[in-house]
Amino acid sequence: MRIIEIEERNAPLLRRLLNIWERSVRATHRFLPEPEIRRIAEYVPAALREVPVLAAAVNGADEPVAFMGIAGNKLEMLFVAPEERGKGVGRLLLRHAVEARGVREVDVNEQNPQARGFYERLGFRVCGRSKTDGQGCPYPVLRMRLSADSGLTPPDASGTCCEGSSES
């Protein structure tokens, strides 16, 4: 398994990533009703095209099995194909995000305890909460920040937890 940063975001690749997204969401976001999954799926391709850094974990056949998107020091998305969960793929992506790209923040759906546990095990701590998600929908989001004692080393480890953040 290796991590690649994706420069050419062509239609076949975006379809493969959308497929990973949908299968991952169905496996982990049980709080989302079917119409909501379909609604969100409509704008995932645009998000994949527009996120500043898009990276994937690829298997020996160079097929993506997981991906993430990064903007600045924030992990905007990380999705792992259900059949690859529990194999260290998410950890590999997150380590790359932190160590190569300086990621220190992530937002997690409060109703997704598996994701929260994943990030907490890797050294992220909750430092804020929003009653709605980024699209204003009623899915509470936890703001998490990498703790200084995480064992992961961002290029610039300065900063404090979610400066200026509070429940909104």
N, C-alpha and C. Protein backbone atom coordinates (compact mmCIF):
# COMPACT_ATOMS: atom_id res chain seq x y z
N MET A 1 0.86 -1.17 0.00
CA MET A 1 0.00 0.00 0.00
C MET A 1 0.90 1.23 0.00
N ARG A 2 0.56 2.18 -0.86
CA ARG A 2 1.32 3.43 -0.87
C ARG A 2 0.37 4.61 -1.05
N ILE A 3 0.86 5.79 -0.67
CA ILE A 3 0.08 7.02 -0.77
C ILE A 3 0.55 7.80 -1.99
N ILE A 4 -0.40 8.24 -2.78
CA ILE A 4 -0.08 9.11 -3.92
C ILE A 4 -0.90 10.38 -3.80
N GLU A 5 -0.30 11.49 -4.15
CA GLU A 5 -1.05 12.74 -4.26
C GLU A 5 -1.50 12.86 -5.71
N ILE A 6 -2.77 13.15 -5.89
CA ILE A 6 -3.39 13.10 -7.22
C ILE A 6 -3.37 14.48 -7.86
N GLU A 7 -2.73 14.55 -8.99
CA GLU A 7 -2.70 15.81 -9.76
C GLU A 7 -3.80 15.82 -10.81
N GLU A 8 -3.88 14.75 -11.60
CA GLU A 8 -4.86 14.68 -12.68
C GLU A 8 -6.14 14.04 -12.16
N ARG A 9 -7.17 14.84 -12.02
CA ARG A 9 -8.45 14.38 -11.45
C ARG A 9 -9.43 14.12 -12.59
N ASN A 10 -9.19 13.02 -13.29
CA ASN A 10 -10.00 12.70 -14.46
C ASN A 10 -11.30 12.00 -14.04
N ALA A 11 -12.24 11.92 -14.98
CA ALA A 11 -13.57 11.38 -14.69
C ALA A 11 -13.53 9.93 -14.20
N PRO A 12 -12.75 9.03 -14.82
CA PRO A 12 -12.73 7.64 -14.31
C PRO A 12 -12.22 7.57 -12.86
N LEU A 13 -11.21 8.32 -12.53
CA LEU A 13 -10.70 8.32 -11.16
C LEU A 13 -11.75 8.87 -10.20
N LEU A 14 -12.38 9.97 -10.56
CA LEU A 14 -13.40 10.56 -9.69
C LEU A 14 -14.56 9.59 -9.47
N ARG A 15 -14.92 8.81 -10.48
CA ARG A 15 -15.97 7.80 -10.32
C ARG A 15 -15.54 6.72 -9.31
N ARG A 16 -14.26 6.30 -9.38
CA ARG A 16 -13.77 5.30 -8.42
C ARG A 16 -13.78 5.87 -7.01
N LEU A 17 -13.37 7.13 -6.86
CA LEU A 17 -13.35 7.74 -5.52
C LEU A 17 -14.77 7.94 -5.00
N LEU A 18 -15.69 8.33 -5.87
CA LEU A 18 -17.09 8.48 -5.46
C LEU A 18 -17.64 7.13 -4.99
N ASN A 19 -17.28 6.06 -5.66
CA ASN A 19 -17.70 4.72 -5.26
C ASN A 19 -17.17 4.38 -3.87
N ILE A 20 -15.90 4.70 -3.60
CA ILE A 20 -15.32 4.48 -2.27
C ILE A 20 -16.08 5.32 -1.25
N TRP A 21 -16.33 6.59 -1.58
CA TRP A 21 -17.06 7.49 -0.67
C TRP A 21 -18.41 6.88 -0.31
N GLU A 22 -19.18 6.48 -1.34
CA GLU A 22 -20.53 6.00 -1.08
C GLU A 22 -20.53 4.72 -0.23
N ARG A 23 -19.65 3.79 -0.55
CA ARG A 23 -19.61 2.55 0.23
C ARG A 23 -19.13 2.81 1.66
N SER A 24 -18.19 3.72 1.81
CA SER A 24 -17.71 4.07 3.15
C SER A 24 -18.80 4.76 3.96
N VAL A 25 -19.50 5.69 3.36
CA VAL A 25 -20.57 6.40 4.05
C VAL A 25 -21.67 5.41 4.48
N ARG A 26 -22.03 4.52 3.61
CA ARG A 26 -23.07 3.54 3.95
C ARG A 26 -22.64 2.64 5.11
N ALA A 27 -21.34 2.39 5.22
CA ALA A 27 -20.83 1.52 6.29
C ALA A 27 -20.66 2.26 7.62
N THR A 28 -20.46 3.57 7.58
CA THR A 28 -20.10 4.30 8.81
C THR A 28 -21.05 5.41 9.21
N HIS A 29 -21.83 5.93 8.30
CA HIS A 29 -22.71 7.06 8.58
C HIS A 29 -24.16 6.59 8.65
N ARG A 30 -24.42 5.68 9.54
CA ARG A 30 -25.76 5.06 9.62
C ARG A 30 -26.85 6.07 10.01
N PHE A 31 -26.46 7.21 10.50
CA PHE A 31 -27.42 8.25 10.89
C PHE A 31 -27.97 9.00 9.68
N LEU A 32 -27.36 8.84 8.52
CA LEU A 32 -27.83 9.55 7.33
C LEU A 32 -28.91 8.75 6.61
N PRO A 33 -30.08 9.34 6.40
CA PRO A 33 -31.11 8.64 5.63
C PRO A 33 -30.71 8.57 4.15
N GLU A 34 -31.28 7.61 3.45
CA GLU A 34 -30.96 7.39 2.03
C GLU A 34 -31.09 8.66 1.18
N PRO A 35 -32.16 9.43 1.30
CA PRO A 35 -32.25 10.65 0.47
C PRO A 35 -31.09 11.62 0.74
N GLU A 36 -30.62 11.67 1.97
CA GLU A 36 -29.52 12.56 2.31
C GLU A 36 -28.21 12.07 1.68
N ILE A 37 -27.99 10.78 1.68
CA ILE A 37 -26.79 10.23 1.04
C ILE A 37 -26.81 10.57 -0.45
N ARG A 38 -27.95 10.40 -1.09
CA ARG A 38 -28.05 10.73 -2.52
C ARG A 38 -27.83 12.22 -2.76
N ARG A 39 -28.36 13.07 -1.87
CA ARG A 39 -28.18 14.52 -2.02
C ARG A 39 -26.71 14.89 -1.90
N ILE A 40 -26.05 14.36 -0.89
CA ILE A 40 -24.63 14.67 -0.68
C ILE A 40 -23.79 14.15 -1.84
N ALA A 41 -24.13 12.96 -2.34
CA ALA A 41 -23.37 12.34 -3.44
C ALA A 41 -23.33 13.24 -4.67
N GLU A 42 -24.35 14.09 -4.82
CA GLU A 42 -24.38 14.98 -5.98
C GLU A 42 -23.25 15.99 -5.97
N TYR A 43 -22.79 16.42 -4.80
CA TYR A 43 -21.72 17.42 -4.79
C TYR A 43 -20.35 16.87 -4.41
N VAL A 44 -20.26 15.57 -4.16
CA VAL A 44 -18.95 14.97 -3.86
C VAL A 44 -17.97 15.12 -5.02
N PRO A 45 -18.37 14.86 -6.28
CA PRO A 45 -17.39 15.04 -7.36
C PRO A 45 -16.80 16.45 -7.42
N ALA A 46 -17.62 17.46 -7.20
CA ALA A 46 -17.09 18.83 -7.20
C ALA A 46 -16.12 19.03 -6.04
N ALA A 47 -16.43 18.47 -4.88
CA ALA A 47 -15.53 18.58 -3.73
C ALA A 47 -14.20 17.89 -4.04
N LEU A 48 -14.24 16.76 -4.71
CA LEU A 48 -13.01 16.05 -5.07
C LEU A 48 -12.18 16.84 -6.07
N ARG A 49 -12.85 17.52 -7.00
CA ARG A 49 -12.12 18.34 -7.98
C ARG A 49 -11.52 19.58 -7.33
N GLU A 50 -12.21 20.15 -6.34
CA GLU A 50 -11.83 21.45 -5.81
C GLU A 50 -10.93 21.42 -4.59
N VAL A 51 -10.89 20.32 -3.83
CA VAL A 51 -10.07 20.30 -2.63
C VAL A 51 -8.61 20.51 -3.05
N PRO A 52 -7.87 21.38 -2.36
CA PRO A 52 -6.50 21.69 -2.79
C PRO A 52 -5.56 20.49 -2.90
N VAL A 53 -5.63 19.58 -1.93
CA VAL A 53 -4.77 18.38 -1.97
C VAL A 53 -5.68 17.16 -1.90
N LEU A 54 -5.56 16.31 -2.90
CA LEU A 54 -6.30 15.06 -2.94
C LEU A 54 -5.27 13.94 -3.00
N ALA A 55 -5.35 13.01 -2.07
CA ALA A 55 -4.40 11.90 -2.03
C ALA A 55 -5.17 10.59 -1.87
N ALA A 56 -4.56 9.52 -2.33
CA ALA A 56 -5.20 8.21 -2.23
C ALA A 56 -4.19 7.18 -1.75
N ALA A 57 -4.72 6.18 -1.07
CA ALA A 57 -3.95 4.97 -0.77
C ALA A 57 -4.27 4.01 -1.90
N VAL A 58 -3.22 3.52 -2.57
CA VAL A 58 -3.42 2.60 -3.69
C VAL A 58 -2.80 1.25 -3.35
N ASN A 59 -3.46 0.21 -3.85
CA ASN A 59 -2.98 -1.15 -3.60
C ASN A 59 -1.89 -1.52 -4.61
N GLY A 60 -1.48 -2.77 -4.60
CA GLY A 60 -0.43 -3.24 -5.50
C GLY A 60 -0.78 -3.12 -6.97
N ALA A 61 -2.07 -3.08 -7.29
CA ALA A 61 -2.52 -2.91 -8.68
C ALA A 61 -2.74 -1.43 -9.02
N ASP A 62 -2.27 -0.54 -8.15
CA ASP A 62 -2.44 0.91 -8.31
C ASP A 62 -3.89 1.36 -8.36
N GLU A 63 -4.76 0.60 -7.71
CA GLU A 63 -6.17 0.97 -7.59
C GLU A 63 -6.38 1.65 -6.25
N PRO A 64 -7.10 2.80 -6.22
CA PRO A 64 -7.35 3.45 -4.94
C PRO A 64 -8.28 2.61 -4.06
N VAL A 65 -7.95 2.55 -2.77
CA VAL A 65 -8.78 1.84 -1.80
C VAL A 65 -9.25 2.78 -0.69
N ALA A 66 -8.69 4.00 -0.69
CA ALA A 66 -9.05 5.03 0.29
C ALA A 66 -8.54 6.35 -0.25
N PHE A 67 -9.12 7.45 0.26
CA PHE A 67 -8.64 8.76 -0.17
C PHE A 67 -8.89 9.80 0.91
N MET A 68 -8.21 10.92 0.75
CA MET A 68 -8.41 12.05 1.66
C MET A 68 -8.24 13.35 0.88
N GLY A 69 -8.84 14.41 1.43
CA GLY A 69 -8.70 15.75 0.89
C GLY A 69 -8.25 16.68 1.99
N ILE A 70 -7.34 17.58 1.64
CA ILE A 70 -6.73 18.50 2.60
C ILE A 70 -6.83 19.92 2.08
N ALA A 71 -7.16 20.85 2.98
CA ALA A 71 -7.13 22.28 2.67
C ALA A 71 -6.39 22.96 3.82
N GLY A 72 -5.21 23.51 3.53
CA GLY A 72 -4.41 24.14 4.58
C GLY A 72 -4.00 23.10 5.60
N ASN A 73 -4.26 23.39 6.89
CA ASN A 73 -3.89 22.43 7.93
C ASN A 73 -5.08 21.58 8.38
N LYS A 74 -6.11 21.52 7.55
CA LYS A 74 -7.33 20.79 7.92
C LYS A 74 -7.58 19.62 6.98
N LEU A 75 -7.85 18.47 7.59
CA LEU A 75 -8.27 17.30 6.83
C LEU A 75 -9.76 17.49 6.54
N GLU A 76 -10.10 17.64 5.29
CA GLU A 76 -11.48 17.90 4.89
C GLU A 76 -12.29 16.62 4.70
N MET A 77 -11.61 15.53 4.36
CA MET A 77 -12.31 14.27 4.11
C MET A 77 -11.31 13.13 4.18
N LEU A 78 -11.77 11.99 4.66
CA LEU A 78 -10.98 10.76 4.64
C LEU A 78 -11.98 9.60 4.60
N PHE A 79 -11.91 8.82 3.54
CA PHE A 79 -12.84 7.71 3.36
C PHE A 79 -12.06 6.46 2.94
N VAL A 80 -12.40 5.35 3.56
CA VAL A 80 -11.74 4.07 3.31
C VAL A 80 -12.79 3.07 2.84
N ALA A 81 -12.46 2.33 1.78
CA ALA A 81 -13.37 1.28 1.30
C ALA A 81 -13.66 0.32 2.45
N PRO A 82 -14.90 -0.08 2.63
CA PRO A 82 -15.25 -0.94 3.77
C PRO A 82 -14.39 -2.19 3.91
N GLU A 83 -14.03 -2.80 2.80
CA GLU A 83 -13.23 -4.02 2.86
C GLU A 83 -11.78 -3.77 3.28
N GLU A 84 -11.38 -2.51 3.32
CA GLU A 84 -10.02 -2.15 3.73
C GLU A 84 -9.96 -1.60 5.15
N ARG A 85 -11.11 -1.40 5.78
CA ARG A 85 -11.12 -0.88 7.15
C ARG A 85 -10.44 -1.84 8.11
N GLY A 86 -9.75 -1.29 9.08
CA GLY A 86 -9.08 -2.11 10.08
C GLY A 86 -7.73 -2.65 9.64
N LYS A 87 -7.23 -2.24 8.49
CA LYS A 87 -5.96 -2.73 7.97
C LYS A 87 -4.84 -1.69 8.03
N GLY A 88 -5.12 -0.52 8.64
CA GLY A 88 -4.09 0.51 8.76
C GLY A 88 -4.04 1.51 7.62
N VAL A 89 -4.99 1.42 6.68
CA VAL A 89 -4.99 2.32 5.53
C VAL A 89 -5.32 3.75 5.96
N GLY A 90 -6.32 3.91 6.82
CA GLY A 90 -6.67 5.24 7.31
C GLY A 90 -5.51 5.86 8.08
N ARG A 91 -4.86 5.07 8.91
CA ARG A 91 -3.70 5.53 9.69
C ARG A 91 -2.58 5.98 8.76
N LEU A 92 -2.34 5.22 7.69
CA LEU A 92 -1.31 5.56 6.72
C LEU A 92 -1.62 6.90 6.05
N LEU A 93 -2.87 7.08 5.64
CA LEU A 93 -3.27 8.35 5.03
C LEU A 93 -3.12 9.51 6.03
N LEU A 94 -3.59 9.30 7.25
CA LEU A 94 -3.53 10.37 8.24
C LEU A 94 -2.09 10.73 8.58
N ARG A 95 -1.23 9.74 8.70
CA ARG A 95 0.19 10.02 8.97
C ARG A 95 0.77 10.88 7.84
N HIS A 96 0.45 10.55 6.60
CA HIS A 96 0.92 11.36 5.47
C HIS A 96 0.37 12.78 5.58
N ALA A 97 -0.91 12.89 5.91
CA ALA A 97 -1.54 14.21 6.01
C ALA A 97 -0.83 15.08 7.05
N VAL A 98 -0.53 14.49 8.19
CA VAL A 98 0.11 15.24 9.28
C VAL A 98 1.57 15.52 8.96
N GLU A 99 2.31 14.50 8.58
CA GLU A 99 3.76 14.64 8.45
C GLU A 99 4.19 15.31 7.15
N ALA A 100 3.45 15.11 6.06
CA ALA A 100 3.84 15.71 4.79
C ALA A 100 3.11 17.01 4.50
N ARG A 101 1.90 17.16 5.05
CA ARG A 101 1.07 18.31 4.70
C ARG A 101 0.71 19.20 5.89
N GLY A 102 1.16 18.85 7.09
CA GLY A 102 0.92 19.71 8.25
C GLY A 102 -0.49 19.74 8.77
N VAL A 103 -1.27 18.72 8.50
CA VAL A 103 -2.66 18.68 9.00
C VAL A 103 -2.65 18.63 10.51
N ARG A 104 -3.49 19.45 11.12
CA ARG A 104 -3.64 19.48 12.57
C ARG A 104 -5.10 19.52 13.00
N GLU A 105 -6.02 19.66 12.06
CA GLU A 105 -7.43 19.78 12.42
C GLU A 105 -8.30 18.89 11.54
N VAL A 106 -9.42 18.47 12.12
CA VAL A 106 -10.41 17.69 11.38
C VAL A 106 -11.76 17.90 12.06
N ASP A 107 -12.81 17.91 11.27
CA ASP A 107 -14.17 17.92 11.80
C ASP A 107 -14.75 16.53 11.60
N VAL A 108 -15.47 16.04 12.62
CA VAL A 108 -16.03 14.69 12.60
C VAL A 108 -17.50 14.77 12.98
N ASN A 109 -18.33 14.04 12.25
CA ASN A 109 -19.74 13.96 12.64
C ASN A 109 -19.84 13.35 14.03
N GLU A 110 -20.51 14.04 14.91
CA GLU A 110 -20.69 13.56 16.28
C GLU A 110 -21.39 12.20 16.30
N GLN A 111 -22.23 11.94 15.31
CA GLN A 111 -23.00 10.70 15.25
C GLN A 111 -22.20 9.55 14.63
N ASN A 112 -20.90 9.78 14.42
CA ASN A 112 -20.03 8.75 13.86
C ASN A 112 -18.94 8.43 14.90
N PRO A 113 -19.30 7.64 15.94
CA PRO A 113 -18.33 7.38 17.01
C PRO A 113 -17.10 6.61 16.55
N GLN A 114 -17.21 5.83 15.47
CA GLN A 114 -16.04 5.12 14.96
C GLN A 114 -14.98 6.10 14.48
N ALA A 115 -15.41 7.14 13.77
CA ALA A 115 -14.46 8.14 13.27
C ALA A 115 -13.83 8.91 14.43
N ARG A 116 -14.66 9.30 15.38
CA ARG A 116 -14.13 10.02 16.54
C ARG A 116 -13.07 9.16 17.25
N GLY A 117 -13.38 7.89 17.48
CA GLY A 117 -12.43 7.00 18.13
C GLY A 117 -11.15 6.84 17.34
N PHE A 118 -11.26 6.75 16.02
CA PHE A 118 -10.09 6.64 15.15
C PHE A 118 -9.16 7.84 15.35
N TYR A 119 -9.72 9.04 15.26
CA TYR A 119 -8.89 10.24 15.41
C TYR A 119 -8.35 10.39 16.83
N GLU A 120 -9.15 10.03 17.82
CA GLU A 120 -8.65 10.12 19.20
C GLU A 120 -7.49 9.15 19.43
N ARG A 121 -7.58 7.95 18.88
CA ARG A 121 -6.48 6.98 19.04
C ARG A 121 -5.19 7.50 18.41
N LEU A 122 -5.33 8.35 17.41
CA LEU A 122 -4.15 8.89 16.72
C LEU A 122 -3.73 10.25 17.26
N GLY A 123 -4.34 10.69 18.36
CA GLY A 123 -3.86 11.88 19.04
C GLY A 123 -4.66 13.15 18.84
N PHE A 124 -5.81 13.06 18.19
CA PHE A 124 -6.66 14.24 18.04
C PHE A 124 -7.57 14.34 19.26
N ARG A 125 -7.89 15.57 19.64
CA ARG A 125 -8.77 15.81 20.79
C ARG A 125 -9.89 16.77 20.38
N VAL A 126 -11.08 16.53 20.92
CA VAL A 126 -12.22 17.41 20.66
C VAL A 126 -11.94 18.76 21.30
N CYS A 127 -12.16 19.81 20.52
CA CYS A 127 -11.91 21.16 21.04
C CYS A 127 -13.03 22.13 20.67
N GLY A 128 -14.11 21.62 20.11
CA GLY A 128 -15.24 22.47 19.78
C GLY A 128 -16.35 21.63 19.19
N ARG A 129 -17.52 22.25 19.07
CA ARG A 129 -18.69 21.55 18.54
C ARG A 129 -19.59 22.53 17.82
N SER A 130 -20.17 22.06 16.75
CA SER A 130 -21.17 22.84 16.02
C SER A 130 -22.44 22.01 15.96
N LYS A 131 -23.59 22.66 16.11
CA LYS A 131 -24.88 21.94 16.07
C LYS A 131 -25.23 21.46 14.66
N THR A 132 -24.58 22.04 13.65
CA THR A 132 -24.87 21.67 12.26
C THR A 132 -23.57 21.37 11.52
N ASP A 133 -23.71 20.68 10.39
CA ASP A 133 -22.53 20.39 9.57
C ASP A 133 -22.21 21.59 8.68
N GLY A 134 -21.22 21.44 7.83
CA GLY A 134 -20.75 22.54 6.98
C GLY A 134 -21.78 23.04 5.98
N GLN A 135 -22.81 22.25 5.73
CA GLN A 135 -23.88 22.66 4.81
C GLN A 135 -25.10 23.17 5.57
N GLY A 136 -24.98 23.30 6.89
CA GLY A 136 -26.08 23.81 7.69
C GLY A 136 -27.13 22.76 8.04
N CYS A 137 -26.84 21.49 7.77
CA CYS A 137 -27.79 20.42 8.08
C CYS A 137 -27.65 20.02 9.55
N PRO A 138 -28.71 19.43 10.13
CA PRO A 138 -28.73 19.13 11.57
C PRO A 138 -27.92 17.89 11.97
N TYR A 139 -26.66 17.87 11.56
CA TYR A 139 -25.76 16.79 11.93
C TYR A 139 -24.60 17.41 12.69
N PRO A 140 -24.62 17.31 14.03
CA PRO A 140 -23.58 17.97 14.84
C PRO A 140 -22.18 17.52 14.45
N VAL A 141 -21.26 18.47 14.49
CA VAL A 141 -19.88 18.22 14.11
C VAL A 141 -18.96 18.55 15.28
N LEU A 142 -18.02 17.65 15.52
CA LEU A 142 -16.99 17.88 16.54
C LEU A 142 -15.73 18.39 15.85
N ARG A 143 -15.20 19.47 16.38
CA ARG A 143 -13.93 19.99 15.87
C ARG A 143 -12.82 19.33 16.68
N MET A 144 -11.85 18.76 15.97
CA MET A 144 -10.76 18.07 16.65
C MET A 144 -9.43 18.65 16.20
N ARG A 145 -8.48 18.63 17.12
CA ARG A 145 -7.15 19.16 16.83
C ARG A 145 -6.10 18.18 17.33
N LEU A 146 -5.02 18.06 16.60
CA LEU A 146 -3.93 17.18 16.95
C LEU A 146 -3.26 17.66 18.22
N SER A 147 -3.14 16.77 19.21
CA SER A 147 -2.49 17.15 20.47
C SER A 147 -0.98 17.07 20.31
N ALA A 148 -0.28 17.82 21.13
CA ALA A 148 1.18 17.88 21.06
C ALA A 148 1.82 16.53 21.37
N ASP A 149 1.15 15.70 22.14
CA ASP A 149 1.73 14.40 22.52
C ASP A 149 1.19 13.25 21.68
N SER A 150 0.78 13.53 20.46
CA SER A 150 0.15 12.52 19.61
C SER A 150 1.13 11.47 19.07
N GLY A 151 2.39 11.81 18.97
CA GLY A 151 3.34 10.90 18.34
C GLY A 151 3.46 11.16 16.85
N LEU A 152 2.54 11.93 16.28
CA LEU A 152 2.64 12.36 14.89
C LEU A 152 3.32 13.72 14.88
N THR A 153 4.12 13.98 13.86
CA THR A 153 4.89 15.20 13.86
C THR A 153 4.59 16.06 12.64
N PRO A 154 3.74 17.07 12.81
CA PRO A 154 3.51 17.98 11.69
C PRO A 154 4.73 18.86 11.47
N PRO A 155 4.95 19.35 10.25
CA PRO A 155 6.10 20.20 9.98
C PRO A 155 6.19 21.42 10.91
N ASP A 156 5.03 22.01 11.26
CA ASP A 156 4.98 23.13 12.19
C ASP A 156 3.96 22.79 13.26
N ALA A 157 4.44 22.39 14.43
CA ALA A 157 3.55 21.91 15.48
C ALA A 157 3.04 23.01 16.39
N SER A 158 3.12 24.26 15.98
CA SER A 158 2.65 25.34 16.83
C SER A 158 1.14 25.48 16.75
N GLY A 159 0.58 26.27 17.64
CA GLY A 159 -0.86 26.54 17.63
C GLY A 159 -1.54 25.92 18.82
N THR A 160 -2.73 26.40 19.10
CA THR A 160 -3.49 25.87 20.20
C THR A 160 -4.79 25.29 19.67
N CYS A 161 -5.44 24.55 20.50
CA CYS A 161 -6.63 23.83 20.07
C CYS A 161 -7.76 24.76 19.66
N CYS A 162 -8.11 24.66 18.40
CA CYS A 162 -9.30 25.35 17.85
C CYS A 162 -9.43 26.76 18.39
N GLU A 163 -8.44 27.58 18.15
CA GLU A 163 -8.47 28.95 18.63
C GLU A 163 -9.77 29.63 18.23
N GLY A 164 -10.40 30.24 19.20
CA GLY A 164 -11.62 31.00 18.94
C GLY A 164 -12.84 30.16 18.67
N SER A 165 -12.77 28.86 18.89
CA SER A 165 -13.92 28.03 18.56
C SER A 165 -14.79 27.80 19.79
N SER A 166 -16.06 27.65 19.57
CA SER A 166 -17.00 27.33 20.62
C SER A 166 -18.21 26.68 19.98
N GLU A 167 -19.15 26.29 20.78
CA GLU A 167 -20.36 25.69 20.20
C GLU A 167 -21.15 26.77 19.49
N SER A 168 -21.63 26.41 18.31
CA SER A 168 -22.45 27.34 17.53
C SER A 168 -23.75 26.70 17.15
